PDB file of N, CA and C in Angstrom:
ATOM      1  N   ALA A   1     136.430  52.323 -84.365  1.00  0.00           N
ATOM      2  CA  ALA A   1     136.465  53.115 -83.681  1.00  0.00           C
ATOM      3  C   ALA A   1     135.832  54.245 -83.640  1.00  0.00           C
ATOM      4  N   ASN A   2     134.999  54.865 -82.665  1.00  0.00           N
ATOM      5  CA  ASN A   2     134.391  56.084 -82.562  1.00  0.00           C
ATOM      6  C   ASN A   2     134.948  57.775 -83.069  1.00  0.00           C
ATOM      7  N   ALA A   3     133.469  58.096 -84.310  1.00  0.00           N
ATOM      8  CA  ALA A   3     134.328  59.184 -84.495  1.00  0.00           C
ATOM      9  C   ALA A   3     134.955  60.402 -83.183  1.00  0.00           C
ATOM     10  N   SER A   4     135.613  60.904 -84.021  1.00  0.00           N
ATOM     11  CA  SER A   4     135.758  61.870 -82.872  1.00  0.00           C
ATOM     12  C   SER A   4     134.703  63.176 -82.770  1.00  0.00           C
ATOM     13  N   PRO A   5     134.364  64.193 -81.818  1.00  0.00           N
ATOM     14  CA  PRO A   5     133.396  65.068 -81.629  1.00  0.00           C
ATOM     15  C   PRO A   5     133.448  65.087 -82.422  1.00  0.00           C
ATOM     16  N   ARG A   6     134.409  66.359 -82.107  1.00  0.00           N
ATOM     17  CA  ARG A   6     135.400  67.447 -82.945  1.00  0.00           C
ATOM     18  C   ARG A   6     135.127  66.783 -84.656  1.00  0.00           C
ATOM     19  N   VAL A   7     135.687  66.036 -84.676  1.00  0.00           N
ATOM     20  CA  VAL A   7     135.325  65.811 -86.611  1.00  0.00           C
ATOM     21  C   VAL A   7     133.516  66.209 -87.490  1.00  0.00           C
ATOM     22  N   SER A   8     133.109  65.285 -85.973  1.00  0.00           N
ATOM     23  CA  SER A   8     132.135  64.726 -86.090  1.00  0.00           C
ATOM     24  C   SER A   8     130.769  66.347 -86.517  1.00  0.00           C
ATOM     25  N   GLY A   9     131.760  67.072 -85.803  1.00  0.00           N
ATOM     26  CA  GLY A   9     130.672  68.703 -85.764  1.00  0.00           C
ATOM     27  C   GLY A   9     131.083  69.010 -86.377  1.00  0.00           C
ATOM     28  N   ILE A  10     132.713  68.924 -87.125  1.00  0.00           N
ATOM     29  CA  ILE A  10     132.911  70.272 -88.280  1.00  0.00           C
ATOM     30  C   ILE A  10     132.039  69.379 -89.998  1.00  0.00           C
ATOM     31  N   LEU A  11     132.107  68.717 -89.461  1.00  0.00           N
ATOM     32  CA  LEU A  11     131.420  67.890 -90.162  1.00  0.00           C
ATOM     33  C   LEU A  11     130.004  68.133 -90.352  1.00  0.00           C
ATOM     34  N   ARG A  12     129.103  67.628 -89.926  1.00  0.00           N
ATOM     35  CA  ARG A  12     127.444  68.056 -89.160  1.00  0.00           C
ATOM     36  C   ARG A  12     127.720  69.273 -89.718  1.00  0.00           C
ATOM     37  N   ALA A  13     127.824  70.582 -88.721  1.00  0.00           N
ATOM     38  CA  ALA A  13     128.355  72.033 -89.332  1.00  0.00           C
ATOM     39  C   ALA A  13     128.023  72.345 -90.865  1.00  0.00           C
ATOM     40  N   ALA A  14     129.398  71.860 -91.684  1.00  0.00           N
ATOM     41  CA  ALA A  14     129.298  71.864 -92.999  1.00  0.00           C
ATOM     42  C   ALA A  14     128.097  71.287 -93.703  1.00  0.00           C
ATOM     43  N   SER A  15     127.605  69.951 -93.834  1.00  0.00           N
ATOM     44  CA  SER A  15     126.815  69.692 -94.477  1.00  0.00           C
ATOM     45  C   SER A  15     125.462  70.165 -93.629  1.00  0.00           C
ATOM     46  N   ALA A  16     124.935  71.189 -92.801  1.00  0.00           N
ATOM     47  CA  ALA A  16     124.034  72.415 -92.748  1.00  0.00           C
ATOM     48  C   ALA A  16     124.263  73.361 -92.900  1.00  0.00           C
ATOM     49  N   THR A  17     125.530  73.898 -93.467  1.00  0.00           N
ATOM     50  CA  THR A  17     125.781  74.627 -93.989  1.00  0.00           C
ATOM     51  C   THR A  17     125.770  76.171 -92.922  1.00  0.00           C
ATOM     52  N   ASN A  18     126.799  75.769 -91.534  1.00  0.00           N
ATOM     53  CA  ASN A  18     126.075  77.195 -89.848  1.00  0.00           C
ATOM     54  C   ASN A  18     127.666  77.043 -90.109  1.00  0.00           C
ATOM     55  N   LEU A  19     127.479  78.450 -91.316  1.00  0.00           N
ATOM     56  CA  LEU A  19     128.891  79.403 -91.247  1.00  0.00           C
ATOM     57  C   LEU A  19     129.439  79.328 -89.538  1.00  0.00           C
ATOM     58  N   GLU A  20     128.228  79.926 -88.657  1.00  0.00           N
ATOM     59  CA  GLU A  20     129.101  80.582 -87.748  1.00  0.00           C
ATOM     60  C   GLU A  20     129.306  79.657 -87.156  1.00  0.00           C
ATOM     61  N   THR A  21     128.410  78.590 -86.384  1.00  0.00           N
ATOM     62  CA  THR A  21     129.574  77.265 -86.584  1.00  0.00           C
ATOM     63  C   THR A  21     130.730  76.916 -86.713  1.00  0.00           C
ATOM     64  N   VAL A  22     130.869  76.315 -88.397  1.00  0.00           N
ATOM     65  CA  VAL A  22     132.467  76.384 -88.574  1.00  0.00           C
ATOM     66  C   VAL A  22     133.089  78.024 -88.254  1.00  0.00           C
ATOM     67  N   ARG A  23     132.430  78.897 -88.332  1.00  0.00           N
ATOM     68  CA  ARG A  23     133.484  79.616 -87.913  1.00  0.00           C
ATOM     69  C   ARG A  23     134.368  79.659 -86.233  1.00  0.00           C
ATOM     70  N   LYS A  24     133.782  79.304 -85.734  1.00  0.00           N
ATOM     71  CA  LYS A  24     133.846  79.035 -84.628  1.00  0.00           C
ATOM     72  C   LYS A  24     135.325  77.793 -84.502  1.00  0.00           C
ATOM     73  N   PHE A  25     134.774  76.307 -84.386  1.00  0.00           N
ATOM     74  CA  PHE A  25     135.698  75.692 -84.867  1.00  0.00           C
ATOM     75  C   PHE A  25     136.716  75.871 -85.687  1.00  0.00           C
ATOM     76  N   ILE A  26     136.627  76.724 -86.353  1.00  0.00           N
ATOM     77  CA  ILE A  26     138.762  77.273 -87.127  1.00  0.00           C
ATOM     78  C   ILE A  26     138.787  78.130 -86.211  1.00  0.00           C
ATOM     79  N   ALA A  27     138.018  79.398 -85.810  1.00  0.00           N
ATOM     80  CA  ALA A  27     139.241  79.638 -84.128  1.00  0.00           C
ATOM     81  C   ALA A  27     139.033  79.517 -82.801  1.00  0.00           C
ATOM     82  N   TYR A  28     138.965  77.813 -83.169  1.00  0.00           N
ATOM     83  CA  TYR A  28     139.437  77.403 -81.875  1.00  0.00           C
ATOM     84  C   TYR A  28     140.708  76.119 -82.490  1.00  0.00           C
ATOM     85  N   GLY A  29     140.939  76.903 -83.049  1.00  0.00           N
ATOM     86  CA  GLY A  29     142.249  75.716 -84.238  1.00  0.00           C
ATOM     87  C   GLY A  29     142.403  74.615 -85.049  1.00  0.00           C
ATOM     88  N   MET A  30     140.739  74.625 -85.506  1.00  0.00           N
ATOM     89  CA  MET A  30     139.711  73.117 -85.941  1.00  0.00           C
ATOM     90  C   MET A  30     141.013  72.768 -87.379  1.00  0.00           C
ATOM     91  N   ASP A  31     140.872  71.963 -87.792  1.00  0.00           N
ATOM     92  CA  ASP A  31     141.994  71.355 -88.744  1.00  0.00           C
ATOM     93  C   ASP A  31     140.595  71.329 -89.854  1.00  0.00           C
ATOM     94  N   VAL A  32     140.846  72.537 -90.272  1.00  0.00           N
ATOM     95  CA  VAL A  32     139.658  72.784 -91.924  1.00  0.00           C
ATOM     96  C   VAL A  32     139.623  70.926 -93.076  1.00  0.00           C
ATOM     97  N   ASN A  33     140.155  70.019 -92.707  1.00  0.00           N
ATOM     98  CA  ASN A  33     140.579  69.406 -93.535  1.00  0.00           C
ATOM     99  C   ASN A  33     140.743  67.813 -92.982  1.00  0.00           C
ATOM    100  N   GLN A  34     140.241  67.798 -91.981  1.00  0.00           N
ATOM    101  CA  GLN A  34     139.853  66.509 -91.240  1.00  0.00           C
ATOM    102  C   GLN A  34     138.946  65.628 -91.768  1.00  0.00           C
ATOM    103  N   GLN A  35     139.700  64.415 -91.702  1.00  0.00           N
ATOM    104  CA  GLN A  35     138.459  63.481 -92.782  1.00  0.00           C
ATOM    105  C   GLN A  35     137.918  62.569 -91.828  1.00  0.00           C
ATOM    106  N   HIS A  36     136.313  62.100 -92.293  1.00  0.00           N
ATOM    107  CA  HIS A  36     135.560  61.290 -91.407  1.00  0.00           C
ATOM    108  C   HIS A  36     136.111  60.121 -91.767  1.00  0.00           C
ATOM    109  N   PRO A  37     136.467  59.990 -90.744  1.00  0.00           N
ATOM    110  CA  PRO A  37     136.941  58.226 -90.074  1.00  0.00           C
ATOM    111  C   PRO A  37     136.522  56.706 -91.452  1.00  0.00           C
ATOM    112  N   TRP A  38     136.118  56.594 -91.746  1.00  0.00           N
ATOM    113  CA  TRP A  38     134.819  56.104 -92.190  1.00  0.00           C
ATOM    114  C   TRP A  38     135.302  56.289 -93.497  1.00  0.00           C
ATOM    115  N   THR A  39     135.013  57.124 -93.998  1.00  0.00           N
ATOM    116  CA  THR A  39     134.596  58.058 -95.837  1.00  0.00           C
ATOM    117  C   THR A  39     135.524  58.403 -96.338  1.00  0.00           C
ATOM    118  N   ALA A  40     136.599  58.863 -94.962  1.00  0.00           N
ATOM    119  CA  ALA A  40     137.731  60.355 -95.569  1.00  0.00           C
ATOM    120  C   ALA A  40     137.029  61.409 -95.820  1.00  0.00           C
ATOM    121  N   LYS A  41     135.610  61.763 -96.025  1.00  0.00           N
ATOM    122  CA  LYS A  41     135.147  62.213 -96.773  1.00  0.00           C
ATOM    123  C   LYS A  41     135.660  64.249 -95.989  1.00  0.00           C
ATOM    124  N   THR A  42     135.261  65.147 -96.554  1.00  0.00           N
ATOM    125  CA  THR A  42     135.498  66.603 -95.311  1.00  0.00           C
ATOM    126  C   THR A  42     134.735  67.454 -95.430  1.00  0.00           C
ATOM    127  N   ALA A  43     134.735  68.627 -94.396  1.00  0.00           N
ATOM    128  CA  ALA A  43     133.826  69.474 -94.265  1.00  0.00           C
ATOM    129  C   ALA A  43     133.435  70.040 -95.491  1.00  0.00           C
ATOM    130  N   LEU A  44     134.454  69.977 -96.567  1.00  0.00           N
ATOM    131  CA  LEU A  44     134.303  70.765 -98.193  1.00  0.00           C
ATOM    132  C   LEU A  44     134.079  69.908 -98.518  1.00  0.00           C
ATOM    133  N   TYR A  45     133.729  69.083 -98.840  1.00  0.00           N
ATOM    134  CA  TYR A  45     133.352  67.728 -99.567  1.00  0.00           C
ATOM    135  C   TYR A  45     131.743  68.103 -98.772  1.00  0.00           C
ATOM    136  N   LYS A  46     131.655  67.663 -97.962  1.00  0.00           N
ATOM    137  CA  LYS A  46     129.985  68.030 -97.286  1.00  0.00           C
ATOM    138  C   LYS A  46     129.715  69.583 -97.743  1.00  0.00           C
ATOM    139  N   ALA A  47     130.048  70.450 -97.871  1.00  0.00           N
ATOM    140  CA  ALA A  47     130.193  71.937 -98.285  1.00  0.00           C
ATOM    141  C   ALA A  47     129.552  71.980-100.231  1.00  0.00           C
ATOM    142  N   VAL A  48     130.660  71.346-100.145  1.00  0.00           N
ATOM    143  CA  VAL A  48     130.378  71.323-101.444  1.00  0.00           C
ATOM    144  C   VAL A  48     128.578  70.233-102.333  1.00  0.00           C
ATOM    145  N   SER A  49     128.843  69.508-101.437  1.00  0.00           N
ATOM    146  CA  SER A  49     127.486  68.300-101.962  1.00  0.00           C
ATOM    147  C   SER A  49     126.284  69.110-101.151  1.00  0.00           C
ATOM    148  N   ALA A  50     125.932  70.453-100.234  1.00  0.00           N
ATOM    149  CA  ALA A  50     124.919  71.040-100.033  1.00  0.00           C
ATOM    150  C   ALA A  50     124.871  72.575-101.098  1.00  0.00           C
ATOM    151  N   SER A  51     125.745  72.123-102.408  1.00  0.00           N
ATOM    152  CA  SER A  51     126.028  73.570-102.333  1.00  0.00           C
ATOM    153  C   SER A  51     126.248  75.296-102.254  1.00  0.00           C
ATOM    154  N   SER A  52     127.192  74.881-101.014  1.00  0.00           N
ATOM    155  CA  SER A  52     126.907  75.966 -99.951  1.00  0.00           C
ATOM    156  C   SER A  52     127.947  76.916-100.664  1.00  0.00           C
ATOM    157  N   ILE A  53     128.252  77.528-101.629  1.00  0.00           N
ATOM    158  CA  ILE A  53     129.262  78.763-102.064  1.00  0.00           C
ATOM    159  C   ILE A  53     130.033  78.861-101.148  1.00  0.00           C
ATOM    160  N   PRO A  54     128.588  79.947 -99.810  1.00  0.00           N
ATOM    161  CA  PRO A  54     129.098  80.367 -98.638  1.00  0.00           C
ATOM    162  C   PRO A  54     130.402  79.772 -97.909  1.00  0.00           C
ATOM    163  N   MET A  55     130.075  78.704 -97.878  1.00  0.00           N
ATOM    164  CA  MET A  55     130.705  77.731 -96.816  1.00  0.00           C
ATOM    165  C   MET A  55     131.881  77.156 -97.297  1.00  0.00           C
ATOM    166  N   VAL A  56     131.724  76.401 -98.667  1.00  0.00           N
ATOM    167  CA  VAL A  56     132.881  76.418 -99.563  1.00  0.00           C
ATOM    168  C   VAL A  56     134.555  77.353 -99.485  1.00  0.00           C
ATOM    169  N   GLU A  57     133.558  79.235 -99.360  1.00  0.00           N
ATOM    170  CA  GLU A  57     134.730  79.732 -99.489  1.00  0.00           C
ATOM    171  C   GLU A  57     134.919  80.198 -98.157  1.00  0.00           C
ATOM    172  N   LEU A  58     134.459  79.982 -97.137  1.00  0.00           N
ATOM    173  CA  LEU A  58     135.077  79.951 -95.653  1.00  0.00           C
ATOM    174  C   LEU A  58     135.739  78.899 -96.066  1.00  0.00           C
ATOM    175  N   LEU A  59     135.786  77.262 -96.036  1.00  0.00           N
ATOM    176  CA  LEU A  59     136.749  76.595 -96.217  1.00  0.00           C
ATOM    177  C   LEU A  59     137.895  76.645 -96.610  1.00  0.00           C
ATOM    178  N   LEU A  60     137.747  77.395 -97.886  1.00  0.00           N
ATOM    179  CA  LEU A  60     138.911  77.683 -99.397  1.00  0.00           C
ATOM    180  C   LEU A  60     139.852  78.677 -98.412  1.00  0.00           C
ATOM    181  N   ASP A  61     138.998  79.915 -98.127  1.00  0.00           N
ATOM    182  CA  ASP A  61     140.205  80.553 -97.546  1.00  0.00           C
ATOM    183  C   ASP A  61     140.493  79.820 -96.282  1.00  0.00           C
ATOM    184  N   ASN A  62     140.915  79.102 -95.228  1.00  0.00           N
ATOM    185  CA  ASN A  62     140.646  78.720 -93.963  1.00  0.00           C
ATOM    186  C   ASN A  62     141.597  77.598 -94.060  1.00  0.00           C
ATOM    187  N   GLY A  63     142.031  77.272 -95.482  1.00  0.00           N
ATOM    188  CA  GLY A  63     143.173  76.715 -96.142  1.00  0.00           C
ATOM    189  C   GLY A  63     142.758  74.493 -95.851  1.00  0.00           C
ATOM    190  N   ALA A  64     141.088  75.198 -96.683  1.00  0.00           N
ATOM    191  CA  ALA A  64     140.606  73.552 -97.098  1.00  0.00           C
ATOM    192  C   ALA A  64     141.626  72.766 -98.460  1.00  0.00           C
ATOM    193  N   ASP A  65     141.678  71.712 -98.471  1.00  0.00           N
ATOM    194  CA  ASP A  65     141.969  71.449 -99.557  1.00  0.00           C
ATOM    195  C   ASP A  65     141.035  70.630-100.758  1.00  0.00           C
ATOM    196  N   MET A  66     141.589  70.726-101.829  1.00  0.00           N
ATOM    197  CA  MET A  66     139.525  70.795-102.707  1.00  0.00           C
ATOM    198  C   MET A  66     140.289  68.504-103.486  1.00  0.00           C
ATOM    199  N   THR A  67     141.670  68.987-103.484  1.00  0.00           N
ATOM    200  CA  THR A  67     141.822  67.760-103.948  1.00  0.00           C
ATOM    201  C   THR A  67     141.866  66.841-102.500  1.00  0.00           C
ATOM    202  N   MET A  68     141.677  66.545-101.060  1.00  0.00           N
ATOM    203  CA  MET A  68     141.359  65.395-100.058  1.00  0.00           C
ATOM    204  C   MET A  68     139.983  65.118-100.333  1.00  0.00           C
ATOM    205  N   GLY A  69     140.042  64.002 -99.400  1.00  0.00           N
ATOM    206  CA  GLY A  69     139.003  63.119 -99.182  1.00  0.00           C
ATOM    207  C   GLY A  69     139.044  62.063-100.017  1.00  0.00           C
ATOM    208  N   VAL A  70     139.851  61.673-101.031  1.00  0.00           N
ATOM    209  CA  VAL A  70     140.517  59.960-100.790  1.00  0.00           C
ATOM    210  C   VAL A  70     140.024  59.268-100.354  1.00  0.00           C
ATOM    211  N   LEU A  71     138.922  58.322-100.876  1.00  0.00           N
ATOM    212  CA  LEU A  71     139.332  56.928-100.142  1.00  0.00           C
ATOM    213  C   LEU A  71     139.667  55.489-101.070  1.00  0.00           C
ATOM    214  N   ASP A  72     138.478  55.317-102.271  1.00  0.00           N
ATOM    215  CA  ASP A  72     138.715  54.146-103.069  1.00  0.00           C
ATOM    216  C   ASP A  72     138.614  55.128-103.954  1.00  0.00           C
ATOM    217  N   GLY A  73     139.244  55.579-105.247  1.00  0.00           N
ATOM    218  CA  GLY A  73     139.456  56.802-106.152  1.00  0.00           C
ATOM    219  C   GLY A  73     138.935  58.122-106.164  1.00  0.00           C
ATOM    220  N   ASN A  74     138.401  58.415-106.721  1.00  0.00           N
ATOM    221  CA  ASN A  74     138.514  60.171-106.571  1.00  0.00           C
ATOM    222  C   ASN A  74     137.236  60.476-106.272  1.00  0.00           C
ATOM    223  N   GLU A  75     136.291  59.309-105.547  1.00  0.00           N
ATOM    224  CA  GLU A  75     134.556  59.603-105.423  1.00  0.00           C
ATOM    225  C   GLU A  75     134.336  60.412-105.030  1.00  0.00           C
ATOM    226  N   TYR A  76     135.249  60.986-103.288  1.00  0.00           N
ATOM    227  CA  TYR A  76     135.135  61.736-102.627  1.00  0.00           C
ATOM    228  C   TYR A  76     135.728  62.835-102.288  1.00  0.00           C
ATOM    229  N   MET A  77     136.624  63.113-103.829  1.00  0.00           N
ATOM    230  CA  MET A  77     137.528  64.701-103.848  1.00  0.00           C
ATOM    231  C   MET A  77     135.945  65.523-104.119  1.00  0.00           C
ATOM    232  N   PRO A  78     136.213  66.625-103.499  1.00  0.00           N
ATOM    233  CA  PRO A  78     134.620  68.064-103.363  1.00  0.00           C
ATOM    234  C   PRO A  78     135.097  68.436-104.618  1.00  0.00           C
ATOM    235  N   LEU A  79     136.450  68.942-105.343  1.00  0.00           N
ATOM    236  CA  LEU A  79     136.711  69.477-106.604  1.00  0.00           C
ATOM    237  C   LEU A  79     135.269  67.862-108.064  1.00  0.00           C
ATOM    238  N   TYR A  80     135.582  67.019-107.488  1.00  0.00           N
ATOM    239  CA  TYR A  80     135.158  65.343-108.126  1.00  0.00           C
ATOM    240  C   TYR A  80     133.368  65.728-107.827  1.00  0.00           C
ATOM    241  N   ARG A  81     133.313  65.730-107.031  1.00  0.00           N
ATOM    242  CA  ARG A  81     132.197  66.245-106.184  1.00  0.00           C
ATOM    243  C   ARG A  81     131.124  67.043-107.115  1.00  0.00           C
ATOM    244  N   ALA A  82     131.222  68.429-107.380  1.00  0.00           N
ATOM    245  CA  ALA A  82     131.074  69.772-107.692  1.00  0.00           C
ATOM    246  C   ALA A  82     130.853  69.307-109.298  1.00  0.00           C
ATOM    247  N   VAL A  83     131.295  68.590-109.854  1.00  0.00           N
ATOM    248  CA  VAL A  83     131.417  68.001-111.384  1.00  0.00           C
ATOM    249  C   VAL A  83     130.245  67.184-111.291  1.00  0.00           C
ATOM    250  N   GLU A  84     130.808  65.990-110.608  1.00  0.00           N
ATOM    251  CA  GLU A  84     129.097  65.063-110.732  1.00  0.00           C
ATOM    252  C   GLU A  84     128.209  66.102-110.016  1.00  0.00           C
ATOM    253  N   LEU A  85     127.747  66.739-109.849  1.00  0.00           N
ATOM    254  CA  LEU A  85     126.388  67.891-109.367  1.00  0.00           C
ATOM    255  C   LEU A  85     126.099  68.261-110.408  1.00  0.00           C
ATOM    256  N   GLU A  86     127.164  68.949-110.720  1.00  0.00           N
ATOM    257  CA  GLU A  86     126.667  69.391-112.644  1.00  0.00           C
ATOM    258  C   GLU A  86     126.669  71.269-111.818  1.00  0.00           C
ATOM    259  N   ASP A  87     126.852  71.124-110.677  1.00  0.00           N
ATOM    260  CA  ASP A  87     127.091  72.514-109.947  1.00  0.00           C
ATOM    261  C   ASP A  87     128.280  73.751-110.518  1.00  0.00           C
ATOM    262  N   TYR A  88     127.637  74.059-111.857  1.00  0.00           N
ATOM    263  CA  TYR A  88     128.428  74.617-112.168  1.00  0.00           C
ATOM    264  C   TYR A  88     129.391  76.590-111.700  1.00  0.00           C
ATOM    265  N   GLU A  89     128.541  76.570-110.953  1.00  0.00           N
ATOM    266  CA  GLU A  89     128.670  78.183-110.060  1.00  0.00           C
ATOM    267  C   GLU A  89     129.668  77.549-109.202  1.00  0.00           C
ATOM    268  N   MET A  90     129.640  76.335-108.916  1.00  0.00           N
ATOM    269  CA  MET A  90     130.310  76.258-107.445  1.00  0.00           C
ATOM    270  C   MET A  90     132.058  75.426-107.956  1.00  0.00           C
ATOM    271  N   LEU A  91     132.370  75.300-109.827  1.00  0.00           N
ATOM    272  CA  LEU A  91     133.394  75.397-110.032  1.00  0.00           C
ATOM    273  C   LEU A  91     134.206  76.155-110.786  1.00  0.00           C
ATOM    274  N   ASN A  92     132.885  77.825-110.763  1.00  0.00           N
ATOM    275  CA  ASN A  92     134.339  78.663-111.316  1.00  0.00           C
ATOM    276  C   ASN A  92     134.406  79.670-110.216  1.00  0.00           C
TER     277      ASN A  92
END
């Protein structure tokens, strides 16, 4: 099955740290906790991976779940990813 363009759109926008695009998706009512259909990664995981504190804050302020993204274990949880990257600023 192909990924929904809406799902891949918010994931791509979060990866690119495109705040305005993610704000628009949120304004249109998109669920910030949507998961990639194959990896279960979320927009928050992508934002953490990009070390974008403004994007992480935007997503968290709009209901993003730090514990989502589990596929096989915890490797896709945003919080785990921040620890893995040793991104201490992100963890504060």
